[in-house]
């Protein structure tokens, strides 16, 4: 059997689209920091931006490792994805094209379980990206609560975050998932029943509340990935 003829598995349908999103967080954050630093701001925001930028090299290394894994795995299926993006703008195109390539392979399988896994991976990837970018945004906001760009970005991230969770919940209801995966989906839904108001995290107190909630979501998302890896 050639690589091109190989049917994509349920597990890889999830992870390929999930990993594609995991390439982007440091690029998106770096682009956001660039926009903020190009505008006059308060001293507190300048210090916060400087600290946030110092954390990016570590995440760059993780993203590069993620891209290599994604490239190698897609190649096993005979799929060709774009070169590794190096800017936020390039990442947007990369994510769209890569998901399209994977989606065609999933559609060719004509398997509803594989399609559900692809949808779950896409939603999980959007969750991962939103949580990472949100972590930076909500760290910055208390230093400049009236900054319009930060407020707009926070609102956008919050909407993406909650929309992704709804899509994930729907995808995890497919009957092909084992009970343990379905249960994790229910736990994720429960966390989103009464979350902190992420779009309005402006002060240290609300930031601390959001951070506690976010760690629970990240932990559950990691557990979901580890469980699907064993499916």
Protein backbone atom coordinates (compact mmCIF):
# COMPACT_ATOMS: atom_id res chain seq x y z
CA UNK A 1 0.00 0.00 0.00
CA UNK A 2 1.43 3.41 -0.97
CA UNK A 3 1.42 6.39 1.33
CA UNK A 4 -1.08 8.14 -0.97
CA UNK A 5 -3.52 5.21 -0.67
CA UNK A 6 -3.26 4.94 3.07
CA UNK A 7 -6.48 5.85 4.85
CA UNK A 8 -6.07 8.41 7.60
CA UNK A 9 -6.75 7.07 11.08
CA UNK A 10 -9.16 8.57 13.59
CA UNK A 11 -6.28 9.37 15.93
CA UNK A 12 -4.21 11.13 13.27
CA UNK A 13 -7.22 13.03 11.95
CA UNK A 14 -7.42 14.55 15.42
CA UNK A 15 -3.74 15.19 15.98
CA UNK A 16 -2.77 16.54 12.56
CA UNK A 17 -5.28 19.36 12.67
CA UNK A 18 -4.59 19.93 16.37
CA UNK A 19 -0.82 20.16 15.81
CA UNK A 20 -1.32 22.60 12.94
CA UNK A 21 -2.83 25.07 15.41
CA UNK A 22 -0.06 24.45 17.96
CA UNK A 23 2.52 25.84 15.53
CA UNK A 24 1.06 29.32 15.81
CA UNK A 25 0.85 30.63 19.39
CA UNK A 26 4.30 32.30 19.64
CA UNK A 27 3.86 33.81 16.16
CA UNK A 28 0.45 35.26 16.99
CA UNK A 29 1.66 36.60 20.33
CA UNK A 30 4.78 38.13 18.77
CA UNK A 31 2.60 39.86 16.18
CA UNK A 32 0.33 41.20 18.92
CA UNK A 33 3.27 42.46 20.98
CA UNK A 34 4.59 44.21 17.89
CA UNK A 35 1.31 46.04 17.38
CA UNK A 36 1.20 47.11 21.01
CA UNK A 37 4.81 48.24 21.14
CA UNK A 38 4.28 50.40 18.06
CA UNK A 39 1.77 52.51 19.97
CA UNK A 40 2.43 54.95 22.81
CA UNK A 41 1.53 53.35 26.11
CA UNK A 42 1.94 53.53 29.83
CA UNK A 43 5.15 52.51 31.56
CA UNK A 44 3.39 49.57 33.20
CA UNK A 45 2.37 48.19 29.80
CA UNK A 46 5.89 48.65 28.43
CA UNK A 47 7.32 46.59 31.29
CA UNK A 48 4.66 43.92 30.81
CA UNK A 49 5.39 43.73 27.08
CA UNK A 50 9.10 43.32 27.78
CA UNK A 51 8.45 40.45 30.18
CA UNK A 52 6.00 38.73 27.81
CA UNK A 53 8.54 38.87 24.98
CA UNK A 54 11.15 37.10 27.11
CA UNK A 55 9.00 33.96 27.30
CA UNK A 56 8.67 33.56 23.53
CA UNK A 57 11.99 31.79 22.67
CA UNK A 58 10.96 28.75 24.73
CA UNK A 59 7.63 28.54 22.91
CA UNK A 60 9.40 29.04 19.58
CA UNK A 61 11.34 25.82 20.22
CA UNK A 62 8.17 23.93 21.10
CA UNK A 63 6.43 25.21 17.96
CA UNK A 64 9.36 24.19 15.78
CA UNK A 65 9.29 20.68 17.24
CA UNK A 66 5.54 20.56 16.64
CA UNK A 67 6.00 21.54 13.01
CA UNK A 68 8.58 18.80 12.46
CA UNK A 69 6.22 16.19 13.89
CA UNK A 70 3.36 17.52 11.79
CA UNK A 71 5.48 17.53 8.63
CA UNK A 72 6.74 13.99 9.19
CA UNK A 73 3.30 12.59 9.96
CA UNK A 74 1.54 14.25 7.04
CA UNK A 75 4.32 12.96 4.75
CA UNK A 76 3.53 9.43 5.91
CA UNK A 77 0.08 9.92 4.40
CA UNK A 78 1.47 11.42 1.22
CA UNK A 79 0.20 14.88 2.19
CA UNK A 80 2.12 18.05 1.39
CA UNK A 81 1.83 21.01 3.75
CA UNK A 82 3.37 24.51 3.50
CA UNK A 83 6.78 25.35 4.90
CA UNK A 84 6.99 26.38 8.54
CA UNK A 85 5.57 29.92 9.00
CA UNK A 86 7.70 32.58 10.63
CA UNK A 87 5.17 35.40 11.09
CA UNK A 88 1.60 35.72 12.30
CA UNK A 89 0.36 36.60 8.82
CA UNK A 90 2.14 33.61 7.28
CA UNK A 91 0.71 31.41 10.02
CA UNK A 92 -2.88 32.33 9.10
CA UNK A 93 -2.29 31.11 5.54
CA UNK A 94 -0.39 28.05 6.77
CA UNK A 95 -3.22 26.98 9.08
CA UNK A 96 -5.89 27.43 6.43
CA UNK A 97 -3.98 25.48 3.78
CA UNK A 98 -2.84 22.72 6.13
CA UNK A 99 -6.34 22.13 7.44
CA UNK A 100 -7.64 22.05 3.89
CA UNK A 101 -5.07 19.42 2.92
CA UNK A 102 -5.96 17.27 5.93
CA UNK A 103 -9.69 17.82 5.39
CA UNK A 104 -9.46 16.41 1.85
CA UNK A 105 -7.76 13.28 3.19
CA UNK A 106 -10.45 12.94 5.84
CA UNK A 107 -13.23 13.36 3.28
CA UNK A 108 -11.64 10.68 1.10
CA UNK A 109 -11.96 8.22 3.96
CA UNK A 110 -15.76 8.56 3.87
CA UNK A 111 -15.77 7.67 7.56
CA UNK A 112 -17.95 9.71 9.92
CA UNK A 113 -15.80 8.76 12.91
CA UNK A 114 -12.68 10.12 11.21
CA UNK A 115 -14.59 13.29 10.31
CA UNK A 116 -15.63 13.70 13.95
CA UNK A 117 -12.01 13.26 15.02
CA UNK A 118 -10.94 15.94 12.52
CA UNK A 119 -13.60 18.32 13.88
CA UNK A 120 -12.48 17.59 17.45
CA UNK A 121 -8.85 18.24 16.54
CA UNK A 122 -9.69 21.52 14.85
CA UNK A 123 -11.70 22.66 17.87
CA UNK A 124 -8.99 21.52 20.30
CA UNK A 125 -6.40 23.39 18.26
CA UNK A 126 -8.46 26.58 18.37
CA UNK A 127 -8.85 26.11 22.11
CA UNK A 128 -5.09 25.67 22.52
CA UNK A 129 -4.33 28.78 20.47
CA UNK A 130 -6.96 30.89 22.24
CA UNK A 131 -5.80 29.80 25.67
CA UNK A 132 -2.16 30.60 24.90
CA UNK A 133 -2.86 33.98 23.31
CA UNK A 134 -5.41 34.74 26.03
CA UNK A 135 -2.82 33.98 28.69
CA UNK A 136 -0.65 36.77 27.33
CA UNK A 137 -3.51 39.18 26.74
CA UNK A 138 -4.94 38.79 30.20
CA UNK A 139 -1.48 39.17 31.71
CA UNK A 140 -1.11 42.47 29.86
CA UNK A 141 -4.56 43.92 30.49
CA UNK A 142 -4.18 44.88 34.17
CA UNK A 143 -1.20 47.06 33.15
CA UNK A 144 -3.37 49.01 30.67
CA UNK A 145 -7.08 48.28 31.31
CA UNK A 146 -8.25 51.10 29.03
CA UNK A 147 -6.07 50.12 26.06
CA UNK A 148 -8.51 49.71 23.14
CA UNK A 149 -6.43 47.23 21.14
CA UNK A 150 -6.03 44.95 24.14
CA UNK A 151 -9.76 45.13 24.88
CA UNK A 152 -10.67 44.25 21.29
CA UNK A 153 -8.18 41.39 21.14
CA UNK A 154 -9.42 40.02 24.47
CA UNK A 155 -12.99 40.02 23.22
CA UNK A 156 -12.01 38.23 20.01
CA UNK A 157 -10.05 35.58 21.90
CA UNK A 158 -12.91 35.02 24.34
CA UNK A 159 -15.40 34.49 21.51
CA UNK A 160 -13.07 32.08 19.72
CA UNK A 161 -12.45 30.20 22.95
CA UNK A 162 -16.11 29.56 23.72
CA UNK A 163 -17.04 28.80 20.11
CA UNK A 164 -14.24 26.21 19.96
CA UNK A 165 -15.46 24.53 23.13
CA UNK A 166 -18.97 24.17 21.67
CA UNK A 167 -17.56 22.61 18.50
CA UNK A 168 -15.40 20.25 20.54
CA UNK A 169 -18.37 19.15 22.64
CA UNK A 170 -20.35 18.37 19.50
CA UNK A 171 -17.50 16.41 17.89
CA UNK A 172 -16.94 14.32 21.03
CA UNK A 173 -20.55 13.14 21.02
CA UNK A 174 -19.89 10.76 18.10
CA UNK A 175 -20.58 7.16 19.03
CA UNK A 176 -17.13 6.00 17.85
CA UNK A 177 -15.37 7.63 20.80
CA UNK A 178 -14.70 5.40 23.80
CA UNK A 179 -16.50 6.27 27.01
CA UNK A 180 -13.41 7.84 28.59
CA UNK A 181 -13.18 10.42 25.78
CA UNK A 182 -16.89 11.22 26.01
CA UNK A 183 -16.50 11.73 29.76
CA UNK A 184 -13.63 14.16 29.24
CA UNK A 185 -15.83 16.10 26.84
CA UNK A 186 -18.48 16.38 29.53
CA UNK A 187 -15.90 17.60 32.04
CA UNK A 188 -14.81 20.28 29.59
CA UNK A 189 -18.40 21.39 29.11
CA UNK A 190 -18.79 21.68 32.88
CA UNK A 191 -15.78 24.01 33.10
CA UNK A 192 -17.41 26.31 30.57
CA UNK A 193 -20.77 26.43 32.37
CA UNK A 194 -19.72 29.24 34.73
CA UNK A 195 -16.34 30.52 33.51
CA UNK A 196 -14.82 33.88 34.46
CA UNK A 197 -15.69 36.70 32.09
CA UNK A 198 -12.58 36.32 29.95
CA UNK A 199 -13.36 39.29 27.73
CA UNK A 200 -13.26 41.64 30.71
CA UNK A 201 -10.15 40.50 32.55
CA UNK A 202 -8.71 43.92 33.35
CA UNK A 203 -7.47 43.86 36.94
CA UNK A 204 -5.23 41.66 39.04
CA UNK A 205 -8.14 40.03 40.86
CA UNK A 206 -10.00 38.96 37.71
CA UNK A 207 -6.72 37.92 36.09
CA UNK A 208 -6.00 35.57 39.00
CA UNK A 209 -9.50 34.09 38.73
CA UNK A 210 -9.10 33.55 35.01
CA UNK A 211 -5.64 31.99 35.44
CA UNK A 212 -6.98 29.37 37.86
CA UNK A 213 -9.78 28.49 35.43
CA UNK A 214 -7.42 28.45 32.45
CA UNK A 215 -5.07 25.97 34.12
CA UNK A 216 -7.98 23.60 34.64
CA UNK A 217 -8.97 23.84 30.96
CA UNK A 218 -5.38 23.34 29.77
CA UNK A 219 -4.96 20.32 32.02
CA UNK A 220 -8.15 18.76 30.70
CA UNK A 221 -7.19 19.51 27.10
CA UNK A 222 -3.83 17.80 27.66
CA UNK A 223 -5.58 14.82 29.23
CA UNK A 224 -7.90 14.61 26.24
CA UNK A 225 -4.96 14.55 23.85
CA UNK A 226 -3.15 11.87 25.86
CA UNK A 227 -6.31 9.74 25.96
CA UNK A 228 -6.96 10.05 22.22
CA UNK A 229 -3.34 9.10 21.57
CA UNK A 230 -4.15 5.73 23.12
CA UNK A 231 -7.34 5.20 21.09
